[in-house]
Structures are given as structure tokens and as C-alpha cells.
Amino acid sequence: MFAAERRQLILEMVRANGAVSLRELARVVQTSEVTVRRDVRALEAEGLLDRRHGGAVLPGGFTRESGFPQKSHLATAEKTAIADLAAGFVEEGEAIVVGAGTTTQELARRLARVPGLTVVTNSLLVAQALAHANRVEVVMTGGTLRGSNYALVGSGAEQSLQGLRVSRAFLSGSGLTAERGLSTSNMLSASVDRALVQAAAEVVVLADHTKLGTDTMFQTVPTDVITRLVTDEPPAHDDRAATELQALADQGVQIAVAGASGNSMGGDSVPPRQARRDVALPGPRRGAVPGAGAGLRSAAVLGEPAPGAERARVADMRRR
């Protein structure tokens, strides 16, 4: 395929979907992501689209929010892997809140078999995914329906969350940076998400790598409030995503990474605990022996004699 043909197809895909990942573009035009990135730069120079981290969007994408049909076709493999991994953090009998979004909808499908679960949500799609789960209780907020993402927003939704307390909140958004945290393009959605956060003891953000380093208009969750990020493995050449992950970890966010293939389970079952991979925070952990394995303890820190010192003491006693 000639460059002009590739770029025309790329432009048509972006116009049809609102936003498309580089990985998906490369798959459709049957070329490398390096070539697609070059094409996207050329189209951006002509003012035909805007580049975003890991993808391309329609011009003015900073303030534009794609509708549900467009979002549902973006980074589908990554969202599936993230949902598989995130479901493993939910325990039987928990009470949680789940926000609106295509990734949280995928999560809800996997929560249908968690017995004794109570899910509070403002998303019709999340509620629909759990509607036939006879061991899961679904509690919906009030509010006004926002048709573009099938979510309840407004003062009615926010007031219905007052006085609520659950173990953790699972939220998605339009962008995530270490500087501002999670953000979205819509003011009403951001306001409800902040109310969901206030109801939870822990906040778990679900964001695929295309959202890392992307900043949108309205802050939802500041970085220091995010307990854990569940994301997918960024491409090897994606230095920006890797840098953003490191910056988030430096600020205390626990990072759980799922591979789009091989590191997650398919279907609707809850994945085993060993399927997730937590990225350790930089620097030695408190009480750890430098260079030792994660399971070792520092005898000096715990007030116990180190093994070598104990052997030397016994030998000295025998000589006496």
C-alpha cells in the first residue's frame, strides 16, 4: 500500500471512530507502528487529525469526548486484559463502586460470578452487565441520563452517593498523568466520579496505555488519591508510557500490568491472584536486605542476629 493510500485509510478510521490506537491502525493497514506513527505525524502537520499518546484523534481532541460506539472499538484487547486483571482484586462479599466507561463495563462482566458482591454504579452498561447475576446486588444512583456514555450524572447522582462507604472504587477516564491524575473531557462526568471516589476507601484506576500521558480538561482523581493503577503492557518503543508509569510509581501508586495476551484469562471468570503483576516502587523496601530476594527479611532490622554472626558466636564459645 502506498503512503497516500495508507494515510487516507488512517484518516477514514479516525473520522469514523473519533480515536484510534496506533496498534489498531497498524493492524488494519498491515504495516509497522513506526510507519503508522510517521503517517500520523504527516496528517497532523496538515491539520487533519491530532496525535495523542499511543493513537490519533479528530482535531480538537483535547476537549472532544468520543461517544460510546467509538470508544468501544478502541484498544479492545487491552481493555479485556485490564478487566481480567482488575477482577482479581475483588473479594467475595465486598461492596464496591464502579464508574462509567467501556473498560469498567468489561470489568462488570467479569464480576457477575463473584458471590455476595454489592456494586454501586451510575452506569447503565455496568448495571446491564450484572443484571442477571443472581448473587450480585446492583445499586444504581439517581441522576440525569447522559446518552453519549449511558451514565447518570448531575446533582441527583451526587446526592445519592452522600453517606455511602465502600471498600474500593473502580474508575476509568479519558487521560492519566502523574502530574494531574485521572481526567475526563466532560464536567458532569468528572463531578460524579469525584463523588464515587469520596465513597471509597481505595481507588483503583483502569486505564490502557493509550491514556497514559494524556491530559484532558477536568480532573477526576488527583494522583495522591489513586491507590492502584491497572493497565496493559506498553509497546517496547513507547517511552512516554513507560516514563509516565515510573512517575506514577514514584508518587506511590501501585501499578498492576496485564499483557494483552498471555498474562490474563479469557472469558468471564475471575482470574487467579498469580495472574497479576505488581510493579515494585523504586528504592529498597523497608526491612529488606539489599540484593536479597523479596521473601527475605533483614535480621538486623528485626532485631535478630544475622546467620553469619550467630555461627561466629557459637564457634567462639566452643573455643572457650
Foldseek 3Di string as FASTA:
>chain_A
DDLVVLLVVQLVLQVVQQKEFLVVSCVVVVHDSVSVVVSLVVCVVVVQWADFQRIIGGPPVQQDDTFPVSQCPYPVLFLLQLLLQVLQVDAAQFEEEEEFDNSSLSNLLLCLPRANYEYEYQAPSSCVSNVPSPRYHYHYFAADADPRGRGHWDPRRLVSLPPAAGAEYEYEEQAAFLQFGGFHNDPRSLVNLLSSLVRHPAYEYEDELRRYPRDHDGGRDGLLRHAEYEYEDDPPPSVRSVVRVLSSLQSPYKYKYGYSPDLGDDDNHRDHPVSIDIDHRDDDDPQDDVPDDPPDGNCVVVVHDDPVVVVVVVVVVVVD
